Protein backbone atom coordinates (compact mmCIF):
# COMPACT_ATOMS: atom_id res chain seq x y z
CA MET A 1 52.52 10.34 -9.88
CA LEU A 2 50.97 7.43 -11.72
CA ARG A 3 48.07 8.75 -13.77
CA SER A 4 46.33 5.45 -14.45
CA PRO A 5 46.07 2.06 -12.74
CA GLY A 6 47.64 0.45 -15.77
CA ARG A 7 50.74 -1.59 -16.37
CA PRO A 8 53.18 0.27 -14.07
CA LEU A 9 50.95 -0.23 -11.03
CA LEU A 10 50.27 -3.87 -11.91
CA VAL A 11 54.01 -4.48 -12.32
CA PHE A 12 54.65 -2.84 -8.94
CA ILE A 13 52.05 -5.07 -7.24
CA ALA A 14 53.52 -8.17 -8.89
CA VAL A 15 57.03 -7.21 -7.75
CA MET A 16 55.84 -6.68 -4.16
CA ILE A 17 54.06 -10.04 -4.12
CA LEU A 18 57.18 -11.74 -5.47
CA ALA A 19 59.37 -9.98 -2.90
CA THR A 20 57.06 -11.10 -0.10
CA LEU A 21 57.44 -14.70 -1.24
CA VAL A 22 61.20 -14.58 -1.83
CA VAL A 23 62.80 -12.19 0.67
CA PRO A 24 61.77 -13.55 4.11
CA GLY A 25 64.20 -16.20 5.29
CA ARG A 26 66.45 -15.88 2.21
CA ALA A 27 67.96 -12.38 2.42
CA PRO A 28 70.37 -11.52 5.26
CA ALA A 29 68.68 -9.96 8.28
CA TYR A 30 70.49 -6.63 7.85
CA TYR A 31 69.37 -6.25 4.22
CA THR A 32 65.81 -7.13 5.19
CA HIS A 33 65.97 -4.48 7.93
CA VAL A 34 67.14 -1.84 5.43
CA VAL A 35 64.37 -2.71 2.96
CA ASN A 36 61.76 -2.57 5.74
CA LEU A 37 62.98 0.90 6.75
CA LEU A 38 62.94 2.05 3.12
CA MET A 39 59.28 1.03 2.86
CA VAL A 40 58.45 2.94 6.06
CA TYR A 41 60.18 6.04 4.72
CA GLY A 42 58.45 5.44 1.39
CA ILE A 43 55.05 5.69 3.11
CA LEU A 44 56.19 8.81 4.95
CA ALA A 45 57.58 10.46 1.81
CA LEU A 46 54.52 9.66 -0.31
CA GLY A 47 52.30 11.17 2.38
CA LEU A 48 54.36 14.36 2.43
CA ASP A 49 54.29 14.49 -1.37
CA ILE A 50 50.49 14.73 -1.24
CA LEU A 51 50.86 18.01 0.61
CA ILE A 52 53.90 19.46 -1.18
CA GLY A 53 54.04 17.81 -4.59
CA LEU A 54 50.32 17.45 -5.26
CA CYS A 55 48.85 20.47 -3.42
CA GLY A 56 51.89 22.77 -3.33
CA GLN A 57 51.82 23.50 0.44
CA PHE A 58 55.21 23.60 2.17
CA ALA A 59 54.96 22.30 5.77
CA PHE A 60 57.27 20.78 8.40
CA ALA A 61 54.82 18.95 10.68
CA HIS A 62 55.20 15.51 9.11
CA ALA A 63 57.65 14.16 11.68
CA ALA A 64 55.19 15.02 14.47
CA PHE A 65 52.40 12.99 12.86
CA PHE A 66 54.89 10.18 12.32
CA GLY A 67 55.59 10.21 16.06
CA ILE A 68 51.88 10.36 16.97
CA GLY A 69 51.19 7.26 14.90
CA CYS A 70 54.14 5.42 16.40
CA TYR A 71 53.48 6.28 20.06
CA THR A 72 49.74 5.64 19.75
CA THR A 73 50.30 2.18 18.26
CA ALA A 74 52.97 1.31 20.83
CA LEU A 75 51.03 2.60 23.86
CA LEU A 76 47.79 0.87 22.89
CA TYR A 77 49.72 -2.38 22.58
CA MET A 78 51.85 -2.02 25.72
CA ARG A 79 49.31 -0.44 28.08
CA LEU A 80 45.96 -1.84 26.86
CA GLY A 81 47.02 -4.98 25.04
CA ALA A 82 45.42 -3.79 21.79
CA PRO A 83 46.81 -5.74 18.81
CA PHE A 84 48.73 -3.93 16.10
CA LEU A 85 45.80 -4.40 13.70
CA ILE A 86 43.88 -2.03 15.98
CA GLY A 87 46.78 0.15 17.10
CA MET A 88 48.06 1.06 13.63
CA PRO A 89 44.68 2.29 12.29
CA ALA A 90 44.07 4.09 15.60
CA GLY A 91 47.42 5.84 15.32
CA ALA A 92 46.65 6.88 11.74
CA VAL A 93 43.21 8.21 12.74
CA LEU A 94 44.62 10.15 15.71
CA ALA A 95 47.37 11.62 13.51
CA GLY A 96 44.70 12.64 11.00
CA LEU A 97 42.53 14.26 13.70
CA VAL A 98 45.50 16.21 15.08
CA GLY A 99 46.41 17.15 11.52
CA LEU A 100 42.87 18.43 10.99
CA LEU A 101 43.03 20.58 14.14
CA VAL A 102 46.49 21.93 13.30
CA GLY A 103 45.55 22.46 9.66
CA LEU A 104 42.49 24.59 10.42
CA PRO A 105 44.61 27.66 11.31
CA ALA A 106 47.85 26.62 9.54
CA MET A 107 46.36 26.15 6.07
CA ARG A 108 45.27 29.79 6.04
CA MET A 109 48.95 30.73 6.00
CA ARG A 110 51.30 30.62 3.02
CA SER A 111 54.93 29.92 2.16
CA LEU A 112 57.35 30.89 4.94
CA TYR A 113 54.64 31.48 7.55
CA LEU A 114 53.16 28.03 6.97
CA ALA A 115 56.59 26.43 7.21
CA LEU A 116 57.39 28.25 10.47
CA ALA A 117 54.01 27.48 12.05
CA THR A 118 54.19 23.77 11.27
CA PHE A 119 57.83 23.63 12.36
CA ALA A 120 56.81 25.14 15.71
CA PHE A 121 54.11 22.47 16.10
CA ALA A 122 56.57 19.68 15.26
CA GLU A 123 59.06 20.94 17.84
CA ALA A 124 56.31 21.28 20.45
CA ALA A 125 55.18 17.70 19.78
CA ARG A 126 58.75 16.44 20.13
CA TRP A 127 59.13 18.36 23.41
CA VAL A 128 55.95 16.74 24.75
CA ALA A 129 57.24 13.28 23.79
CA ALA A 130 60.60 14.00 25.46
CA SER A 131 59.04 15.42 28.65
CA TRP A 132 56.00 13.20 29.29
CA ASP A 133 57.94 10.50 31.10
CA SER A 134 54.93 8.66 32.52
CA VAL A 135 53.43 8.06 29.06
CA THR A 136 56.13 8.15 26.39
CA GLY A 137 59.12 7.25 28.57
CA GLY A 138 60.58 10.69 27.92
CA SER A 139 64.04 10.96 26.44
CA ASN A 140 64.80 7.44 27.67
CA GLY A 141 62.39 6.07 25.12
CA LEU A 142 59.75 3.36 25.13
CA ARG A 143 60.38 -0.37 24.97
CA ILE A 144 58.00 -2.35 22.74
CA ASP A 145 57.51 -6.09 23.07
CA PRO A 146 57.25 -8.16 19.86
CA GLY A 147 53.67 -8.25 18.59
CA THR A 148 51.47 -10.41 16.41
CA VAL A 149 49.44 -9.70 13.26
CA PHE A 150 46.81 -12.24 12.18
CA GLY A 151 48.44 -14.63 14.63
CA TRP A 152 51.80 -14.10 12.91
CA SER A 153 54.49 -13.39 15.50
CA ILE A 154 56.70 -10.43 14.60
CA VAL A 155 60.05 -11.31 16.14
CA THR A 156 62.55 -10.87 13.31
CA GLU A 157 62.87 -8.52 10.33
CA ALA A 158 61.86 -11.39 8.05
CA ASP A 159 58.66 -11.84 10.09
CA ALA A 160 57.78 -8.18 9.67
CA PHE A 161 58.58 -7.99 5.95
CA PRO A 162 55.25 -9.36 4.58
CA ILE A 163 53.24 -7.01 6.83
CA VAL A 164 55.32 -3.95 5.94
CA ALA A 165 55.25 -4.84 2.23
CA GLY A 166 51.47 -5.30 2.35
CA VAL A 167 50.88 -1.94 4.02
CA PHE A 168 53.32 -0.22 1.65
CA THR A 169 51.57 -1.71 -1.40
CA LEU A 170 48.15 -0.59 -0.15
CA VAL A 171 49.49 2.93 0.40
CA VAL A 172 50.88 3.12 -3.15
CA ILE A 173 47.57 1.88 -4.59
CA SER A 174 45.60 4.37 -2.46
CA ILE A 175 47.74 7.34 -3.49
CA SER A 176 47.62 6.39 -7.18
CA HIS A 177 43.81 6.38 -6.94
CA LEU A 178 43.80 9.66 -5.01
CA VAL A 179 45.75 11.37 -7.78
CA ARG A 180 43.20 10.26 -10.38
CA SER A 181 40.23 11.32 -8.24
CA ARG A 182 38.32 14.60 -8.32
CA LEU A 183 40.03 15.62 -5.07
CA GLY A 184 43.43 14.94 -6.63
CA ALA A 185 42.54 17.15 -9.59
CA GLU A 186 41.47 19.92 -7.20
CA MET A 187 44.77 19.65 -5.32
CA LEU A 188 46.69 19.94 -8.58
CA ALA A 189 44.64 23.00 -9.52
CA VAL A 190 45.46 24.63 -6.16
CA ARG A 191 49.14 23.88 -6.68
CA GLU A 192 49.19 25.45 -10.15
CA SER A 193 47.22 28.59 -9.27
CA GLU A 194 44.99 29.31 -6.30
CA HIS A 195 43.31 32.18 -8.14
CA VAL A 196 42.42 30.04 -11.15
CA ALA A 197 41.28 27.21 -8.88
CA MET A 198 39.03 29.59 -6.95
CA ALA A 199 37.61 30.97 -10.19
CA SER A 200 36.82 27.37 -11.20
CA GLY A 201 34.67 26.90 -8.11
CA ILE A 202 37.18 24.99 -5.97
CA ASP A 203 37.10 25.62 -2.22
CA ILE A 204 40.76 26.48 -1.65
CA ASN A 205 40.80 26.22 2.15
CA ARG A 206 38.88 22.92 2.15
CA THR A 207 41.21 21.39 -0.44
CA LYS A 208 44.37 22.43 1.40
CA LEU A 209 42.95 21.22 4.72
CA LEU A 210 42.09 17.82 3.21
CA ALA A 211 45.60 17.55 1.75
CA PHE A 212 47.12 18.34 5.15
CA THR A 213 44.86 15.85 6.94
CA ILE A 214 45.38 13.02 4.45
CA SER A 215 49.12 13.64 4.56
CA ALA A 216 48.99 13.35 8.36
CA VAL A 217 47.06 10.06 8.11
CA PHE A 218 49.76 8.52 5.92
CA ALA A 219 52.44 9.77 8.32
CA GLY A 220 50.50 8.08 11.13
CA ILE A 221 50.42 4.84 9.14
CA ALA A 222 54.19 5.05 8.71
CA GLY A 223 54.55 5.59 12.46
CA GLY A 224 52.45 2.51 13.22
CA VAL A 225 54.54 0.35 10.92
CA PHE A 226 57.69 1.80 12.49
CA ALA A 227 56.41 0.74 15.94
CA LEU A 228 55.83 -2.77 14.60
CA LEU A 229 59.43 -2.94 13.34
CA ASN A 230 61.25 -1.54 16.36
CA SER A 231 61.58 -2.77 19.93
CA PHE A 232 62.58 0.73 21.08
CA VAL A 233 61.45 4.24 20.09
CA ASN A 234 62.38 7.65 21.46
CA PRO A 235 61.77 11.30 20.45
CA ASP A 236 64.97 11.40 18.39
CA HIS A 237 63.27 9.22 15.78
CA PHE A 238 60.79 12.03 15.12
CA SER A 239 63.08 15.04 15.18
CA PHE A 240 63.51 17.88 12.68
CA GLY A 241 66.26 15.79 11.10
CA THR A 242 63.68 13.18 10.09
CA ALA A 243 61.56 15.86 8.42
CA ILE A 244 64.59 17.17 6.52
CA MET A 245 65.56 13.66 5.42
CA VAL A 246 62.09 12.97 4.02
CA LEU A 247 62.02 16.37 2.31
CA THR A 248 65.42 15.60 0.78
CA MET A 249 63.99 12.35 -0.61
CA LEU A 250 61.31 14.40 -2.39
CA VAL A 251 63.84 16.91 -3.72
CA VAL A 252 66.16 14.22 -5.08
CA GLY A 253 63.35 12.07 -6.47
CA GLY A 254 61.15 14.86 -7.79
CA PHE A 255 57.99 16.40 -6.37
CA GLY A 256 54.64 15.15 -7.64
CA SER A 257 55.95 11.92 -9.15
CA LEU A 258 55.26 8.58 -7.48
CA PRO A 259 58.16 6.79 -9.23
CA GLY A 260 60.35 9.82 -8.57
CA VAL A 261 59.55 9.92 -4.86
CA LEU A 262 60.24 6.20 -4.49
CA SER A 263 63.55 6.55 -6.34
CA GLY A 264 64.48 9.41 -4.00
CA VAL A 265 63.65 7.22 -1.00
CA VAL A 266 65.94 4.48 -2.31
CA VAL A 267 68.81 6.86 -3.13
CA ILE A 268 68.73 8.87 0.11
CA GLY A 269 67.90 5.82 2.20
CA LEU A 270 70.80 3.79 0.84
CA LEU A 271 73.35 6.57 0.39
CA PRO A 272 74.48 6.70 4.06
CA GLU A 273 74.92 2.92 4.08
CA VAL A 274 76.88 2.98 0.83
CA LEU A 275 79.13 5.76 2.10
CA ARG A 276 79.63 3.98 5.41
CA VAL A 277 80.81 0.82 3.65
CA ALA A 278 82.78 2.50 0.86
CA LEU A 279 84.44 5.10 3.08
CA LYS A 280 84.80 3.22 6.34
CA SER A 281 88.51 4.12 6.49
CA ILE A 282 87.78 7.87 6.21
CA GLN A 283 84.51 8.20 8.10
CA VAL A 284 85.17 11.86 8.87
CA TRP A 285 84.49 12.69 5.18
CA GLN A 286 81.21 10.80 4.87
CA GLU A 287 78.93 13.66 5.91
CA LEU A 288 80.82 16.13 3.69
CA ILE A 289 80.48 13.85 0.65
CA TYR A 290 76.80 13.25 1.49
CA GLY A 291 76.17 17.01 1.58
CA GLY A 292 78.10 17.53 -1.66
CA ILE A 293 75.97 14.94 -3.44
CA LEU A 294 72.80 16.69 -2.27
CA MET A 295 74.10 20.09 -3.39
CA ALA A 296 75.02 18.70 -6.80
CA THR A 297 71.56 17.17 -7.13
CA MET A 298 69.85 20.48 -6.45
CA MET A 299 72.19 22.37 -8.77
CA PHE A 300 72.15 20.03 -11.76
CA MET A 301 68.85 18.19 -11.27
CA PRO A 302 66.43 20.82 -9.93
CA LEU A 303 63.45 18.64 -10.92
CA GLY A 304 64.95 15.54 -9.34
CA LEU A 305 65.42 12.12 -10.85
CA ALA A 306 61.88 12.19 -12.25
CA GLY A 307 62.55 15.45 -14.08
CA LEU A 308 65.88 14.15 -15.39
CA SER A 309 64.22 11.00 -16.75
CA ARG A 310 61.51 13.10 -18.44
CA GLN A 311 64.15 15.30 -20.05
CA MET A 312 66.10 12.29 -21.31
CA LEU A 313 62.95 10.67 -22.71
CA GLY A 314 61.99 13.96 -24.37
CA LYS A 315 65.40 14.24 -26.03
CA ALA A 316 65.21 10.63 -27.20
CA ARG A 317 61.76 11.21 -28.74
CA ARG A 318 62.91 14.39 -30.49
CA ALA A 319 65.96 12.58 -31.83
CA ASN A 320 63.77 9.74 -33.12
CA ARG A 321 61.40 12.19 -34.81
CA ALA A 322 64.31 14.02 -36.42
CA LEU A 323 65.74 10.71 -37.63
CA ASP A 324 62.36 9.63 -39.02
CA ALA A 325 61.97 12.97 -40.81
CA THR A 326 65.46 12.65 -42.29
CA LEU A 327 64.89 9.11 -43.48
CA GLY A 328 61.44 9.97 -44.76
CA GLY A 329 62.80 12.83 -46.84
CA THR A 330 65.54 10.72 -48.42
CA GLU A 331 64.73 9.52 -51.88
CA THR A 332 65.42 5.88 -52.58
CA PRO A 333 67.67 5.28 -55.64
CA PRO A 334 66.00 3.74 -58.75
């Protein structure tokens, strides 16, 4: 992830401001919809990377917290008339509280046991959403009327774009500051070696629990933004497939790298659309090609796009040093 709030972060903020000024009303509605979804999945993936990439804890509960944030925001708006500016923070807080309660026992587990426990919770949460007809609408889903933010009516994708871009930018800034904080350093220490971290005076259980809770909060934020974007949500949006898709974004982009995670979101988010357009005459092969690309990524880029870029930069630097040494050792003719 970004280690300092320097030029890369400033460039990112400038690009997001420019996009907010240019995209609405100028880009086709479908492209705006895709970009909005990519930003939602970007928030979700960055939140998961706090837990896996930064703290080294492998869990599958992220889709459940995504759903909690979405349903909380939608229900507060539809049943109580609470505006999205209240519903989205409330959904994030509730997701964080549930994450705290789930994390208290789950974070004492490791590896496969942690993955299975959090997977069981995610499936239980999806079952509740699919069965609680009077609240969530069950498997038939929940209809959401268009809302307003700061008096701005959210009717079209272009209307939602500035709000989504603003939330996404704040999330990136928050995570970049988290990584540079004392808590971020403690999470990195836990990821590298729990024994060394404990010997250094770090409370292992507290650090892992905070990582799990903060990750759940960001998933809740993503769910709230998703509710703002969509007029209809159902439990299928928060299934195990969503968790696998977000995890794949981290694998392709590279764990523990903010630019890498965002590049993985773009690649995995756009790949199905690209295959659908490029292979529309042979749609039966799209899923096979998609799976082959993922397998090739894991085989030949185990560190993701971020790791590949680091390797290429390292080779370029070594080549430059070798060239400088060669030129420096060459005597100039009299």
